[in-house]
C-alpha atoms as a PDB file:
ATOM      1  CA  MET A   1      20.310  31.138  -8.712  1.00  0.00           C
ATOM      2  CA  ASN A   2      22.312  33.731 -10.663  1.00  0.00           C
ATOM      3  CA  ASP A   3      19.554  33.931 -13.273  1.00  0.00           C
ATOM      4  CA  ALA A   4      16.988  34.618 -10.549  1.00  0.00           C
ATOM      5  CA  VAL A   5      19.123  37.437  -9.137  1.00  0.00           C
ATOM      6  CA  GLU A   6      19.543  38.978 -12.582  1.00  0.00           C
ATOM      7  CA  ARG A   7      15.792  38.814 -13.164  1.00  0.00           C
ATOM      8  CA  HIS A   8      15.149  40.542  -9.853  1.00  0.00           C
ATOM      9  CA  TYR A   9      17.187  43.567 -10.966  1.00  0.00           C
ATOM     10  CA  ALA A  10      16.093  43.551 -14.609  1.00  0.00           C
ATOM     11  CA  ILE A  11      14.429  46.806 -15.641  1.00  0.00           C
ATOM     12  CA  GLY A  12      15.033  47.419 -19.352  1.00  0.00           C
ATOM     13  CA  ASP A  13      16.370  50.586 -20.992  1.00  0.00           C
ATOM     14  CA  LEU A  14      17.539  51.741 -17.590  1.00  0.00           C
ATOM     15  CA  ALA A  15      19.850  54.447 -18.934  1.00  0.00           C
ATOM     16  CA  GLY A  16      16.992  55.864 -21.007  1.00  0.00           C
ATOM     17  CA  LYS A  17      14.665  55.879 -17.998  1.00  0.00           C
ATOM     18  CA  ILE A  18      17.239  57.625 -15.818  1.00  0.00           C
ATOM     19  CA  ALA A  19      17.850  60.210 -18.550  1.00  0.00           C
ATOM     20  CA  ALA A  20      14.126  60.901 -18.832  1.00  0.00           C
ATOM     21  CA  SER A  21      13.772  61.254 -15.066  1.00  0.00           C
ATOM     22  CA  LEU A  22      16.705  63.664 -14.908  1.00  0.00           C
ATOM     23  CA  ARG A  23      15.281  65.799 -17.704  1.00  0.00           C
ATOM     24  CA  THR A  24      11.921  65.902 -15.915  1.00  0.00           C
ATOM     25  CA  ALA A  25      13.778  67.159 -12.842  1.00  0.00           C
ATOM     26  CA  GLY A  26      15.271  69.951 -14.963  1.00  0.00           C
ATOM     27  CA  LYS A  27      18.773  68.500 -15.305  1.00  0.00           C
ATOM     28  CA  ASP A  28      20.955  69.019 -18.377  1.00  0.00           C
ATOM     29  CA  LEU A  29      22.616  65.703 -19.265  1.00  0.00           C
ATOM     30  CA  ALA A  30      25.596  67.603 -20.678  1.00  0.00           C
ATOM     31  CA  ARG A  31      26.219  69.251 -17.295  1.00  0.00           C
ATOM     32  CA  LEU A  32      25.584  66.425 -14.856  1.00  0.00           C
ATOM     33  CA  THR A  33      27.560  65.889 -11.655  1.00  0.00           C
ATOM     34  CA  THR A  34      27.985  62.760  -9.575  1.00  0.00           C
ATOM     35  CA  VAL A  35      25.728  64.373  -6.960  1.00  0.00           C
ATOM     36  CA  ASP A  36      22.939  64.673  -9.563  1.00  0.00           C
ATOM     37  CA  LEU A  37      23.097  60.915 -10.107  1.00  0.00           C
ATOM     38  CA  ALA A  38      23.433  59.866  -6.459  1.00  0.00           C
ATOM     39  CA  ALA A  39      19.730  59.061  -5.992  1.00  0.00           C
ATOM     40  CA  TYR A  40      19.956  56.608  -8.905  1.00  0.00           C
ATOM     41  CA  ASP A  41      23.413  55.100  -8.613  1.00  0.00           C
ATOM     42  CA  GLU A  42      24.025  55.116  -4.828  1.00  0.00           C
ATOM     43  CA  PHE A  43      20.853  53.338  -3.779  1.00  0.00           C
ATOM     44  CA  HIS A  44      22.323  51.601  -0.730  1.00  0.00           C
ATOM     45  CA  VAL A  45      21.265  52.590   2.784  1.00  0.00           C
ATOM     46  CA  ARG A  46      22.449  56.139   3.652  1.00  0.00           C
ATOM     47  CA  GLY A  47      23.536  56.716   0.070  1.00  0.00           C
ATOM     48  CA  ARG A  48      26.533  58.855  -0.793  1.00  0.00           C
ATOM     49  CA  SER A  49      27.375  59.715   2.810  1.00  0.00           C
ATOM     50  CA  ALA A  50      27.862  55.999   3.514  1.00  0.00           C
ATOM     51  CA  THR A  51      30.080  55.689   0.418  1.00  0.00           C
ATOM     52  CA  LEU A  52      32.357  58.495   1.571  1.00  0.00           C
ATOM     53  CA  ASP A  53      32.470  57.119   5.118  1.00  0.00           C
ATOM     54  CA  LEU A  54      33.660  53.808   3.679  1.00  0.00           C
ATOM     55  CA  ALA A  55      36.211  55.471   1.396  1.00  0.00           C
ATOM     56  CA  ARG A  56      37.821  57.352   4.278  1.00  0.00           C
ATOM     57  CA  GLY A  57      38.955  54.048   5.773  1.00  0.00           C
ATOM     58  CA  MET A  58      40.360  52.542   2.573  1.00  0.00           C
ATOM     59  CA  GLU A  59      43.779  54.259   2.530  1.00  0.00           C
ATOM     60  CA  LEU A  60      43.214  55.581  -0.989  1.00  0.00           C
ATOM     61  CA  ARG A  61      45.663  57.753  -2.869  1.00  0.00           C
ATOM     62  CA  PRO A  62      45.837  59.244  -6.369  1.00  0.00           C
ATOM     63  CA  GLY A  63      46.540  56.631  -9.017  1.00  0.00           C
ATOM     64  CA  CYS A  64      45.637  53.609  -6.924  1.00  0.00           C
ATOM     65  CA  LYS A  65      43.525  50.850  -8.454  1.00  0.00           C
ATOM     66  CA  VAL A  66      40.346  49.784  -6.650  1.00  0.00           C
ATOM     67  CA  LEU A  67      38.097  46.748  -7.071  1.00  0.00           C
ATOM     68  CA  ASP A  68      34.353  47.197  -6.464  1.00  0.00           C
ATOM     69  CA  MET A  69      32.582  43.860  -5.935  1.00  0.00           C
ATOM     70  CA  GLY A  70      28.887  44.106  -6.786  1.00  0.00           C
ATOM     71  CA  SER A  71      29.238  47.549  -8.312  1.00  0.00           C
ATOM     72  CA  GLY A  72      25.599  48.106  -9.317  1.00  0.00           C
ATOM     73  CA  LEU A  73      25.188  51.305 -11.315  1.00  0.00           C
ATOM     74  CA  GLY A  74      28.636  52.514 -10.311  1.00  0.00           C
ATOM     75  CA  GLY A  75      27.884  55.469  -8.058  1.00  0.00           C
ATOM     76  CA  PRO A  76      30.359  54.517  -5.314  1.00  0.00           C
ATOM     77  CA  ALA A  77      33.076  53.754  -7.880  1.00  0.00           C
ATOM     78  CA  ARG A  78      32.627  57.157  -9.531  1.00  0.00           C
ATOM     79  CA  ALA A  79      32.586  58.892  -6.145  1.00  0.00           C
ATOM     80  CA  LEU A  80      35.954  57.333  -5.285  1.00  0.00           C
ATOM     81  CA  ALA A  81      37.457  58.153  -8.681  1.00  0.00           C
ATOM     82  CA  GLU A  82      36.291  61.756  -8.475  1.00  0.00           C
ATOM     83  CA  THR A  83      37.217  62.334  -4.822  1.00  0.00           C
ATOM     84  CA  TYR A  84      40.520  60.452  -4.590  1.00  0.00           C
ATOM     85  CA  GLY A  85      41.844  60.352  -8.155  1.00  0.00           C
ATOM     86  CA  CYS A  86      41.915  56.563  -8.272  1.00  0.00           C
ATOM     87  CA  THR A  87      40.810  54.160 -10.999  1.00  0.00           C
ATOM     88  CA  VAL A  88      38.083  51.639 -10.248  1.00  0.00           C
ATOM     89  CA  VAL A  89      37.047  48.356 -11.831  1.00  0.00           C
ATOM     90  CA  GLY A  90      33.531  47.278 -10.930  1.00  0.00           C
ATOM     91  CA  ILE A  91      32.201  43.729 -11.244  1.00  0.00           C
ATOM     92  CA  ASP A  92      28.493  42.993 -11.158  1.00  0.00           C
ATOM     93  CA  LEU A  93      26.318  40.007 -12.021  1.00  0.00           C
ATOM     94  CA  SER A  94      23.798  42.150 -13.920  1.00  0.00           C
ATOM     95  CA  THR A  95      24.746  42.862 -17.527  1.00  0.00           C
ATOM     96  CA  GLU A  96      22.130  45.610 -17.608  1.00  0.00           C
ATOM     97  CA  PHE A  97      23.631  47.301 -14.559  1.00  0.00           C
ATOM     98  CA  CYS A  98      27.151  47.135 -16.038  1.00  0.00           C
ATOM     99  CA  ASN A  99      26.039  48.569 -19.378  1.00  0.00           C
ATOM    100  CA  THR A 100      24.120  51.338 -17.639  1.00  0.00           C
ATOM    101  CA  ALA A 101      27.021  52.076 -15.281  1.00  0.00           C
ATOM    102  CA  ASN A 102      29.377  52.514 -18.223  1.00  0.00           C
ATOM    103  CA  GLU A 103      26.858  54.816 -19.927  1.00  0.00           C
ATOM    104  CA  LEU A 104      26.458  56.965 -16.796  1.00  0.00           C
ATOM    105  CA  SER A 105      30.234  57.239 -16.574  1.00  0.00           C
ATOM    106  CA  ARG A 106      30.303  58.443 -20.167  1.00  0.00           C
ATOM    107  CA  TRP A 107      27.748  61.163 -19.329  1.00  0.00           C
ATOM    108  CA  LEU A 108      30.040  62.382 -16.549  1.00  0.00           C
ATOM    109  CA  GLY A 109      33.285  62.136 -18.513  1.00  0.00           C
ATOM    110  CA  LEU A 110      34.644  59.484 -16.137  1.00  0.00           C
ATOM    111  CA  SER A 111      35.004  56.565 -18.551  1.00  0.00           C
ATOM    112  CA  ALA A 112      38.785  56.687 -18.336  1.00  0.00           C
ATOM    113  CA  SER A 113      38.683  56.285 -14.548  1.00  0.00           C
ATOM    114  CA  VAL A 114      35.955  53.691 -14.014  1.00  0.00           C
ATOM    115  CA  THR A 115      35.118  50.494 -15.881  1.00  0.00           C
ATOM    116  CA  PHE A 116      32.335  48.011 -15.218  1.00  0.00           C
ATOM    117  CA  VAL A 117      32.331  44.410 -16.361  1.00  0.00           C
ATOM    118  CA  GLN A 118      29.803  41.622 -15.977  1.00  0.00           C
ATOM    119  CA  GLY A 119      31.016  38.796 -13.802  1.00  0.00           C
ATOM    120  CA  ASP A 120      30.326  36.373 -10.965  1.00  0.00           C
ATOM    121  CA  ALA A 121      31.698  37.537  -7.599  1.00  0.00           C
ATOM    122  CA  THR A 122      32.440  33.930  -6.646  1.00  0.00           C
ATOM    123  CA  ALA A 123      34.718  33.443  -9.664  1.00  0.00           C
ATOM    124  CA  PHE A 124      36.903  36.539  -9.931  1.00  0.00           C
ATOM    125  CA  PRO A 125      39.284  36.568 -12.918  1.00  0.00           C
ATOM    126  CA  TYR A 126      41.874  38.631 -11.010  1.00  0.00           C
ATOM    127  CA  GLU A 127      44.919  37.149  -9.313  1.00  0.00           C
ATOM    128  CA  GLY A 128      48.266  38.158  -7.925  1.00  0.00           C
ATOM    129  CA  GLY A 129      47.636  41.478  -6.258  1.00  0.00           C
ATOM    130  CA  ALA A 130      46.095  43.419  -9.128  1.00  0.00           C
ATOM    131  CA  PHE A 131      44.441  45.988  -6.821  1.00  0.00           C
ATOM    132  CA  ASP A 132      45.501  48.468  -4.152  1.00  0.00           C
ATOM    133  CA  ALA A 133      42.131  48.427  -2.359  1.00  0.00           C
ATOM    134  CA  ALA A 134      38.726  46.783  -2.622  1.00  0.00           C
ATOM    135  CA  MET A 135      35.191  47.460  -1.478  1.00  0.00           C
ATOM    136  CA  THR A 136      31.734  45.957  -1.565  1.00  0.00           C
ATOM    137  CA  ILE A 137      28.485  47.741  -0.746  1.00  0.00           C
ATOM    138  CA  HIS A 138      25.188  45.891  -0.237  1.00  0.00           C
ATOM    139  CA  ALA A 139      26.125  42.977  -2.483  1.00  0.00           C
ATOM    140  CA  SER A 140      26.484  39.921  -0.246  1.00  0.00           C
ATOM    141  CA  MET A 141      22.744  39.669   0.467  1.00  0.00           C
ATOM    142  CA  ASN A 142      22.364  38.000  -2.951  1.00  0.00           C
ATOM    143  CA  ILE A 143      25.542  35.872  -2.725  1.00  0.00           C
ATOM    144  CA  ALA A 144      25.183  32.390  -1.255  1.00  0.00           C
ATOM    145  CA  GLU A 145      28.880  31.473  -1.564  1.00  0.00           C
ATOM    146  CA  LYS A 146      30.318  34.450   0.287  1.00  0.00           C
ATOM    147  CA  GLY A 147      33.486  32.622   1.297  1.00  0.00           C
ATOM    148  CA  ALA A 148      34.437  32.109  -2.358  1.00  0.00           C
ATOM    149  CA  ALA A 149      33.736  35.763  -3.133  1.00  0.00           C
ATOM    150  CA  TYR A 150      35.854  37.089  -0.271  1.00  0.00           C
ATOM    151  CA  ALA A 151      38.682  34.660  -1.044  1.00  0.00           C
ATOM    152  CA  GLY A 152      38.687  35.986  -4.603  1.00  0.00           C
ATOM    153  CA  VAL A 153      38.957  39.553  -3.354  1.00  0.00           C
ATOM    154  CA  HIS A 154      41.847  38.517  -1.094  1.00  0.00           C
ATOM    155  CA  ARG A 155      43.713  37.036  -4.070  1.00  0.00           C
ATOM    156  CA  ALA A 156      43.086  40.163  -6.115  1.00  0.00           C
ATOM    157  CA  LEU A 157      44.488  42.518  -3.467  1.00  0.00           C
ATOM    158  CA  LYS A 158      48.113  43.369  -2.897  1.00  0.00           C
ATOM    159  CA  PRO A 159      49.338  42.203   0.532  1.00  0.00           C
ATOM    160  CA  GLY A 160      48.494  44.494   3.427  1.00  0.00           C
ATOM    161  CA  ARG A 161      45.770  46.454   1.612  1.00  0.00           C
ATOM    162  CA  ILE A 162      42.236  47.326   2.715  1.00  0.00           C
ATOM    163  CA  PHE A 163      39.016  45.515   1.882  1.00  0.00           C
ATOM    164  CA  ALA A 164      36.050  47.648   3.007  1.00  0.00           C
ATOM    165  CA  VAL A 165      32.691  45.908   3.431  1.00  0.00           C
ATOM    166  CA  TYR A 166      29.378  47.711   4.004  1.00  0.00           C
ATOM    167  CA  ASP A 167      26.510  45.261   4.047  1.00  0.00           C
ATOM    168  CA  ILE A 168      23.111  44.305   5.350  1.00  0.00           C
ATOM    169  CA  LEU A 169      23.285  41.440   7.851  1.00  0.00           C
ATOM    170  CA  GLN A 170      20.783  39.250   9.634  1.00  0.00           C
ATOM    171  CA  GLY A 171      19.754  40.800  12.931  1.00  0.00           C
ATOM    172  CA  GLU A 172      18.563  39.294  16.179  1.00  0.00           C
ATOM    173  CA  GLY A 173      14.981  40.561  15.858  1.00  0.00           C
ATOM    174  CA  GLY A 174      13.542  37.737  13.781  1.00  0.00           C
ATOM    175  CA  GLU A 175      13.051  36.782  10.153  1.00  0.00           C
ATOM    176  CA  VAL A 176      13.210  39.469   7.476  1.00  0.00           C
ATOM    177  CA  LEU A 177       9.923  40.884   6.230  1.00  0.00           C
ATOM    178  CA  TYR A 178       9.646  40.777   2.422  1.00  0.00           C
ATOM    179  CA  PRO A 179       9.688  42.340  -0.116  1.00  0.00           C
ATOM    180  CA  VAL A 180      12.939  44.238   0.382  1.00  0.00           C
ATOM    181  CA  PRO A 181      15.141  45.992  -2.194  1.00  0.00           C
ATOM    182  CA  TRP A 182      17.337  42.931  -2.809  1.00  0.00           C
ATOM    183  CA  ALA A 183      14.620  40.265  -2.858  1.00  0.00           C
ATOM    184  CA  ARG A 184      10.869  39.887  -3.179  1.00  0.00           C
ATOM    185  CA  ASP A 185      11.013  36.659  -1.147  1.00  0.00           C
ATOM    186  CA  PRO A 186      13.666  34.589   0.681  1.00  0.00           C
ATOM    187  CA  SER A 187      14.682  32.559  -2.400  1.00  0.00           C
ATOM    188  CA  ILE A 188      17.525  34.902  -3.431  1.00  0.00           C
ATOM    189  CA  SER A 189      18.248  36.386  -0.001  1.00  0.00           C
ATOM    190  CA  HIS A 190      21.331  35.037   1.785  1.00  0.00           C
ATOM    191  CA  LEU A 191      21.889  37.059   4.931  1.00  0.00           C
ATOM    192  CA  VAL A 192      24.432  36.099   7.569  1.00  0.00           C
ATOM    193  CA  THR A 193      24.895  37.300  11.134  1.00  0.00           C
ATOM    194  CA  ALA A 194      27.756  39.533  12.242  1.00  0.00           C
ATOM    195  CA  ALA A 195      29.477  36.542  13.848  1.00  0.00           C
ATOM    196  CA  GLU A 196      29.182  34.560  10.624  1.00  0.00           C
ATOM    197  CA  MET A 197      30.508  37.497   8.618  1.00  0.00           C
ATOM    198  CA  ARG A 198      33.574  37.729  10.825  1.00  0.00           C
ATOM    199  CA  GLU A 199      34.237  34.015  10.319  1.00  0.00           C
ATOM    200  CA  LEU A 200      33.866  34.364   6.545  1.00  0.00           C
ATOM    201  CA  LEU A 201      36.267  37.297   6.286  1.00  0.00           C
ATOM    202  CA  VAL A 202      38.902  35.719   8.523  1.00  0.00           C
ATOM    203  CA  GLY A 203      38.479  32.417   6.704  1.00  0.00           C
ATOM    204  CA  ALA A 204      39.211  34.178   3.414  1.00  0.00           C
ATOM    205  CA  GLY A 205      42.534  35.412   4.812  1.00  0.00           C
ATOM    206  CA  PHE A 206      41.635  38.889   6.084  1.00  0.00           C
ATOM    207  CA  ARG A 207      42.448  40.472   9.411  1.00  0.00           C
ATOM    208  CA  ILE A 208      39.500  42.532  10.667  1.00  0.00           C
ATOM    209  CA  LEU A 209      40.640  45.981  11.795  1.00  0.00           C
ATOM    210  CA  GLU A 210      37.282  47.489  12.719  1.00  0.00           C
ATOM    211  CA  GLU A 211      33.592  46.568  12.845  1.00  0.00           C
ATOM    212  CA  ILE A 212      31.046  49.418  12.864  1.00  0.00           C
ATOM    213  CA  ASP A 213      27.315  48.906  13.414  1.00  0.00           C
ATOM    214  CA  SER A 214      25.329  51.740  11.801  1.00  0.00           C
ATOM    215  CA  THR A 215      21.858  50.248  12.282  1.00  0.00           C
ATOM    216  CA  GLU A 216      20.513  53.159  14.332  1.00  0.00           C
ATOM    217  CA  ALA A 217      21.721  55.712  11.791  1.00  0.00           C
ATOM    218  CA  SER A 218      20.266  53.586   8.992  1.00  0.00           C
ATOM    219  CA  THR A 219      16.912  53.371  10.777  1.00  0.00           C
ATOM    220  CA  THR A 220      16.763  57.153  11.111  1.00  0.00           C
ATOM    221  CA  TRP A 221      17.741  57.607   7.454  1.00  0.00           C
ATOM    222  CA  PHE A 222      15.029  55.237   6.246  1.00  0.00           C
ATOM    223  CA  GLN A 223      12.394  56.730   8.534  1.00  0.00           C
ATOM    224  CA  LYS A 224      13.106  60.155   7.060  1.00  0.00           C
ATOM    225  CA  THR A 225      12.977  58.718   3.542  1.00  0.00           C
ATOM    226  CA  ALA A 226       9.641  57.054   4.253  1.00  0.00           C
ATOM    227  CA  ALA A 227       8.229  60.238   5.829  1.00  0.00           C
ATOM    228  CA  ARG A 228       9.181  62.276   2.754  1.00  0.00           C
ATOM    229  CA  THR A 229       7.519  59.684   0.529  1.00  0.00           C
ATOM    230  CA  VAL A 230       4.286  59.752   2.549  1.00  0.00           C
ATOM    231  CA  LYS A 231       4.258  63.559   2.654  1.00  0.00           C
ATOM    232  CA  SER A 232       4.805  63.959  -1.085  1.00  0.00           C
ATOM    233  CA  GLY A 233       2.498  61.102  -2.040  1.00  0.00           C
ATOM    234  CA  ALA A 234       4.927  60.065  -4.770  1.00  0.00           C
ATOM    235  CA  THR A 235       7.987  57.887  -5.091  1.00  0.00           C
ATOM    236  CA  PRO A 236      11.105  60.088  -4.853  1.00  0.00           C
ATOM    237  CA  ALA A 237      13.232  60.473  -7.980  1.00  0.00           C
ATOM    238  CA  GLY A 238      15.780  57.705  -8.005  1.00  0.00           C
ATOM    239  CA  LEU A 239      16.307  54.063  -8.885  1.00  0.00           C
ATOM    240  CA  GLY A 240      13.434  52.992  -6.640  1.00  0.00           C
ATOM    241  CA  GLN A 241      10.889  54.374  -9.072  1.00  0.00           C
ATOM    242  CA  PHE A 242      12.022  51.809 -11.665  1.00  0.00           C
ATOM    243  CA  LEU A 243      12.867  48.761  -9.561  1.00  0.00           C
ATOM    244  CA  ASP A 244       9.448  47.705  -8.356  1.00  0.00           C
ATOM    245  CA  SER A 245       5.848  48.851  -8.466  1.00  0.00           C
ATOM    246  CA  ASP A 246       5.646  48.078  -4.740  1.00  0.00           C
ATOM    247  CA  ALA A 247       8.086  50.780  -3.665  1.00  0.00           C
ATOM    248  CA  ALA A 248       5.956  51.847  -0.693  1.00  0.00           C
ATOM    249  CA  PRO A 249       5.799  48.406   1.017  1.00  0.00           C
ATOM    250  CA  ILE A 250       9.494  47.850   0.274  1.00  0.00           C
ATOM    251  CA  THR A 251      10.379  51.078   2.071  1.00  0.00           C
ATOM    252  CA  ALA A 252       7.978  50.298   4.923  1.00  0.00           C
ATOM    253  CA  ASN A 253       9.520  46.852   5.355  1.00  0.00           C
ATOM    254  CA  GLN A 254      13.027  48.267   5.399  1.00  0.00           C
ATOM    255  CA  VAL A 255      12.062  50.735   8.142  1.00  0.00           C
ATOM    256  CA  ARG A 256      10.466  47.971  10.213  1.00  0.00           C
ATOM    257  CA  ASN A 257      13.252  45.450   9.550  1.00  0.00           C
ATOM    258  CA  LEU A 258      15.839  47.946  10.767  1.00  0.00           C
ATOM    259  CA  ALA A 259      13.802  49.277  13.689  1.00  0.00           C
ATOM    260  CA  GLU A 260      13.097  45.747  14.936  1.00  0.00           C
ATOM    261  CA  ARG A 261      16.696  44.721  14.221  1.00  0.00           C
ATOM    262  CA  ARG A 262      15.598  41.985  11.862  1.00  0.00           C
ATOM    263  CA  ILE A 263      18.432  43.365   9.735  1.00  0.00           C
ATOM    264  CA  ARG A 264      21.546  45.350  10.628  1.00  0.00           C
ATOM    265  CA  THR A 265      23.871  47.553   8.593  1.00  0.00           C
ATOM    266  CA  VAL A 266      27.494  46.829   9.463  1.00  0.00           C
ATOM    267  CA  THR A 267      30.855  47.966   8.071  1.00  0.00           C
ATOM    268  CA  TYR A 268      34.097  46.011   8.238  1.00  0.00           C
ATOM    269  CA  PHE A 269      37.549  47.332   7.465  1.00  0.00           C
ATOM    270  CA  CYS A 270      39.877  44.405   6.791  1.00  0.00           C
ATOM    271  CA  ARG A 271      43.547  44.061   5.856  1.00  0.00           C
ATOM    272  CA  SER A 272      44.759  41.460   3.390  1.00  0.00           C
END
């Protein structure tokens, strides 16, 4: 299963492709900002604004150490490091994503603050309260053994600290329409309902402080994204232009899945 997930996200020379796209857009790689990279490295629903919304509930402070489970290309981790002065360790199943994330951090001069390592979320190597906070953004859709992953995060956190979860869940509107960004078919898609998510988090030892459903805001965001794509006639600059040749149907399916509540976007703030 892990091999299938890695293959889904495999692109090849991703850092080189991002660099070329940025240069085409007129960007100087020696003067990049995290905002310049947001379209590539914050490719979750609602992008950077969702990252900062999540961060505001994580009780971050300068010097704290944060774990990012399913860190992707590292945009959220870099946003936290830059905004709050914390250090972040990201874990992701994709070796290519980790290598690219470390390269993007080097471009931005943030290598001392953020580190990305390849690893399985269900087998964290961290124990005994190594982290002051933890987050995960749009990662659980590809994780079958979510209970093991969340239990590992709980072990890695100091007692009483925040685990912030922003994920795509199964909605009440019917089966998901594929392809979607995290899967071309159901074989590597492992969505759970909000009720199941609550059980998983509590079962891992967390106390849920708040549950926020942002599905309506996500629907509006995706509808605007799709409208811009149709108007321009081209795939917008960003990771989507590299992930799949079927970017248009993927976006269309996401809009419909959200609008029909086949999927939901939900945030949980939990205390260890």
